[in-house]
Amino acid sequence: MRCINQRYALYKSSERLPEKVLRTANEKVSLLSQPKVLTQRIVAHVLQPSDHIILMSALDKDGVLTLDTVENTVLTDQRFAYQFIVALLNSRFASWYAYKFVFSNAIRTMDFDDYYVGKLPLPRIDFDNPEEKAMHGRLVALVEGMLELHRRKADKSLPQSEREDLEREIARTDREIDVLVYDLYGLTEEERRRVAETWQAR
């Protein structure tokens, strides 16, 4: 099993279910035993530097078994890469949009289950258009880079100076992903500024 404790990162867990339980849930186990996107089900509500939420998603390449603390998203349109969906869900725009238009600025427990996941708009990608296909590919590459950065950062023996370098590179990659997501959704400069203000002190 795995657990999410930050965006993009999926960590090992020692928890296991007895074989007897697994045998009685063959259909569910089969569904989960494929690549998918894992999203923290209880949404993080943050007050600093200003009131906002943070959606947290990770890529599960191995099809690990999960329980009800995470939402499992399986793609039905195989033209999209799972990394692309992870980038969208972890973007500032997705968190901003979900808080403003899905949860209506709620301040109590927000449950990001399949009903609410389905409220997030998916940008239209014309895979016959080389420019749009390239944007999809660029996001996939950035997420793969982000996964590698988090893998390296998880090394407990890493010197502090290298850890700080990795954190700066993670922040830079995050910003690049955000800009590409803004481009995909066609946000104006004013709209981008409005989203960015959520993460700035007032």
Protein backbone atom coordinates (compact mmCIF):
# COMPACT_ATOMS: atom_id res chain seq x y z
CA MET A 1 0.00 0.00 0.00
CA ARG A 2 1.02 3.64 -0.40
CA CYS A 3 0.09 6.98 1.15
CA ILE A 4 0.12 10.59 -0.04
CA ASN A 5 1.49 13.22 2.31
CA GLN A 6 2.32 15.89 -0.26
CA ARG A 7 1.64 16.69 -3.89
CA TYR A 8 3.21 14.28 -6.42
CA ALA A 9 4.82 12.12 -3.74
CA LEU A 10 3.66 8.59 -3.01
CA TYR A 11 5.29 6.85 -0.05
CA LYS A 12 5.35 3.25 1.05
CA SER A 13 3.09 2.10 3.85
CA SER A 14 3.51 -1.04 5.95
CA GLU A 15 -0.26 -1.56 6.23
CA ARG A 16 -1.67 -4.75 4.73
CA LEU A 17 -5.04 -6.42 4.39
CA PRO A 18 -5.47 -10.13 5.17
CA GLU A 19 -5.68 -12.43 2.15
CA LYS A 20 -9.16 -13.51 3.27
CA VAL A 21 -10.40 -9.93 2.93
CA LEU A 22 -8.76 -9.52 -0.47
CA ARG A 23 -10.38 -12.71 -1.78
CA THR A 24 -13.85 -11.39 -0.92
CA ALA A 25 -13.21 -8.17 -2.88
CA ASN A 26 -11.82 -9.54 -6.15
CA GLU A 27 -13.65 -7.04 -8.36
CA LYS A 28 -12.50 -4.01 -6.36
CA VAL A 29 -8.94 -5.32 -6.08
CA SER A 30 -8.86 -5.94 -9.84
CA LEU A 31 -10.08 -2.40 -10.55
CA LEU A 32 -7.41 -0.87 -8.32
CA SER A 33 -4.61 -3.08 -9.66
CA GLN A 34 -3.88 -0.82 -12.61
CA PRO A 35 -2.16 2.54 -13.14
CA LYS A 36 -4.25 5.43 -11.82
CA VAL A 37 -4.21 8.84 -10.18
CA LEU A 38 -4.49 8.97 -6.39
CA THR A 39 -5.90 12.13 -4.82
CA GLN A 40 -6.12 12.86 -1.11
CA ARG A 41 -9.83 12.59 -0.34
CA ILE A 42 -10.01 15.04 2.58
CA VAL A 43 -9.01 18.40 1.12
CA ALA A 44 -6.37 20.50 2.89
CA HIS A 45 -7.82 23.87 3.93
CA VAL A 46 -5.05 26.43 4.44
CA LEU A 47 -5.26 29.89 6.00
CA GLN A 48 -1.73 31.17 5.27
CA PRO A 49 -0.70 33.27 3.47
CA SER A 50 -4.41 33.58 2.63
CA ASP A 51 -7.51 31.38 2.67
CA HIS A 52 -7.29 28.56 0.07
CA ILE A 53 -7.27 24.79 -0.44
CA ILE A 54 -4.61 22.47 -1.83
CA LEU A 55 -5.53 19.43 -3.89
CA MET A 56 -2.92 16.68 -3.52
CA SER A 57 -2.50 14.05 -6.22
CA ALA A 58 0.12 11.44 -7.04
CA LEU A 59 0.74 9.02 -9.89
CA ASP A 60 0.30 5.33 -9.06
CA LYS A 61 2.14 3.46 -11.81
CA ASP A 62 2.00 0.11 -10.03
CA GLY A 63 -1.72 -0.22 -9.30
CA VAL A 64 -1.41 -0.42 -5.53
CA LEU A 65 -4.33 -1.18 -3.26
CA THR A 66 -5.85 1.86 -1.56
CA LEU A 67 -8.56 2.44 1.00
CA ASP A 68 -11.11 5.24 1.32
CA THR A 69 -8.66 7.96 2.35
CA VAL A 70 -7.82 8.58 -1.31
CA GLU A 71 -9.81 8.96 -4.51
CA ASN A 72 -8.78 6.65 -7.36
CA THR A 73 -9.07 8.08 -10.87
CA VAL A 74 -8.82 5.69 -13.82
CA LEU A 75 -8.69 7.09 -17.35
CA THR A 76 -11.23 6.00 -19.94
CA ASP A 77 -9.67 8.05 -22.76
CA GLN A 78 -6.24 6.52 -23.33
CA ARG A 79 -5.05 9.48 -25.41
CA PHE A 80 -4.47 11.29 -22.14
CA ALA A 81 -1.49 10.35 -19.99
CA TYR A 82 -1.91 9.90 -16.26
CA GLN A 83 0.92 12.36 -15.71
CA PHE A 84 -1.14 14.99 -17.53
CA ILE A 85 -4.07 14.52 -15.13
CA VAL A 86 -1.72 14.63 -12.13
CA ALA A 87 -0.33 17.95 -13.39
CA LEU A 88 -3.83 19.41 -13.74
CA LEU A 89 -4.97 18.28 -10.29
CA ASN A 90 -1.81 19.56 -8.59
CA SER A 91 -1.91 22.93 -10.34
CA ARG A 92 -2.79 26.12 -8.53
CA PHE A 93 -5.58 26.66 -11.01
CA ALA A 94 -7.31 23.36 -10.10
CA SER A 95 -7.15 24.14 -6.36
CA TRP A 96 -8.38 27.68 -6.94
CA TYR A 97 -11.21 26.58 -9.23
CA ALA A 98 -12.29 23.77 -6.88
CA TYR A 99 -12.37 26.11 -3.88
CA LYS A 100 -14.26 28.90 -5.63
CA PHE A 101 -16.65 27.00 -7.87
CA VAL A 102 -16.93 23.44 -6.53
CA PHE A 103 -16.77 23.93 -2.76
CA SER A 104 -17.99 27.56 -2.74
CA ASN A 105 -15.32 28.74 -0.27
CA ALA A 106 -16.30 26.15 2.36
CA ILE A 107 -14.31 26.19 5.60
CA ARG A 108 -15.30 22.77 6.95
CA THR A 109 -14.32 19.28 5.81
CA MET A 110 -14.34 18.99 2.02
CA ASP A 111 -14.56 15.48 0.61
CA PHE A 112 -12.98 15.24 -2.86
CA ASP A 113 -14.79 12.12 -4.05
CA ASP A 114 -15.77 11.16 -7.61
CA TYR A 115 -18.73 13.56 -7.64
CA TYR A 116 -16.48 16.55 -6.97
CA VAL A 117 -13.61 15.34 -9.16
CA GLY A 118 -16.11 15.33 -12.03
CA LYS A 119 -16.86 19.02 -11.47
CA LEU A 120 -13.36 20.06 -12.55
CA PRO A 121 -13.27 21.00 -16.25
CA LEU A 122 -10.84 19.05 -18.42
CA PRO A 123 -9.16 21.23 -21.05
CA ARG A 124 -9.86 20.27 -24.64
CA ILE A 125 -6.80 18.77 -26.32
CA ASP A 126 -6.77 18.26 -30.07
CA PHE A 127 -4.24 15.44 -30.39
CA ASP A 128 -4.15 16.04 -34.15
CA ASN A 129 -2.86 19.54 -33.48
CA PRO A 130 0.96 19.33 -33.07
CA GLU A 131 1.08 22.37 -30.75
CA GLU A 132 -1.60 21.06 -28.37
CA LYS A 133 -0.16 17.55 -28.43
CA ALA A 134 3.25 19.04 -27.59
CA MET A 135 1.77 20.90 -24.59
CA HIS A 136 0.33 17.60 -23.35
CA GLY A 137 3.73 15.97 -23.80
CA ARG A 138 5.51 18.83 -22.03
CA LEU A 139 3.30 18.45 -18.96
CA VAL A 140 3.93 14.70 -18.95
CA ALA A 141 7.70 15.32 -19.05
CA LEU A 142 7.51 17.89 -16.25
CA VAL A 143 5.58 15.49 -14.01
CA GLU A 144 8.10 12.74 -14.69
CA GLY A 145 10.81 15.21 -13.68
CA MET A 146 8.86 16.11 -10.56
CA LEU A 147 8.52 12.45 -9.59
CA GLU A 148 12.28 12.02 -9.89
CA LEU A 149 12.93 15.14 -7.79
CA HIS A 150 10.66 13.82 -5.03
CA ARG A 151 12.29 10.38 -5.23
CA ARG A 152 15.70 11.95 -4.70
CA LYS A 153 14.42 14.21 -1.93
CA ALA A 154 13.07 11.17 -0.02
CA ASP A 155 16.64 9.96 0.55
CA LYS A 156 17.15 10.42 4.29
CA SER A 157 20.94 10.56 3.89
CA LEU A 158 20.79 13.57 1.57
CA PRO A 159 22.91 16.54 2.74
CA GLN A 160 20.90 19.63 3.65
CA SER A 161 22.44 21.70 0.85
CA GLU A 162 21.34 19.14 -1.77
CA ARG A 163 17.88 18.94 -0.22
CA GLU A 164 17.55 22.72 -0.51
CA ASP A 165 18.66 22.56 -4.17
CA LEU A 166 15.99 19.94 -4.84
CA GLU A 167 13.33 22.04 -3.12
CA ARG A 168 14.22 25.00 -5.33
CA GLU A 169 14.02 22.81 -8.43
CA ILE A 170 10.65 21.43 -7.28
CA ALA A 171 9.34 24.99 -6.83
CA ARG A 172 10.65 25.98 -10.29
CA THR A 173 9.01 22.95 -11.90
CA ASP A 174 5.77 23.72 -10.07
CA ARG A 175 5.77 27.23 -11.54
CA GLU A 176 6.41 25.90 -15.03
CA ILE A 177 3.51 23.44 -14.69
CA ASP A 178 1.22 26.24 -13.49
CA VAL A 179 2.05 28.40 -16.51
CA LEU A 180 1.37 25.54 -18.93
CA VAL A 181 -1.95 24.79 -17.21
CA TYR A 182 -2.92 28.48 -17.47
CA ASP A 183 -2.09 28.30 -21.18
CA LEU A 184 -4.17 25.14 -21.65
CA TYR A 185 -7.22 26.76 -20.10
CA GLY A 186 -6.64 30.03 -21.97
CA LEU A 187 -6.49 32.20 -18.85
CA THR A 188 -5.89 35.91 -19.38
CA GLU A 189 -3.16 37.78 -17.48
CA GLU A 190 -5.82 39.19 -15.14
CA GLU A 191 -7.21 35.71 -14.44
CA ARG A 192 -3.71 34.35 -13.79
CA ARG A 193 -3.05 37.20 -11.38
CA ARG A 194 -6.29 36.45 -9.54
CA VAL A 195 -5.36 32.79 -9.09
CA ALA A 196 -1.81 33.68 -7.98
CA GLU A 197 -3.10 36.12 -5.35
CA THR A 198 -4.56 33.19 -3.42
CA TRP A 199 -1.03 32.09 -2.49
CA GLN A 200 0.17 35.58 -1.58
CA ALA A 201 -0.01 37.39 1.75
CA ARG A 202 -2.52 40.24 1.86
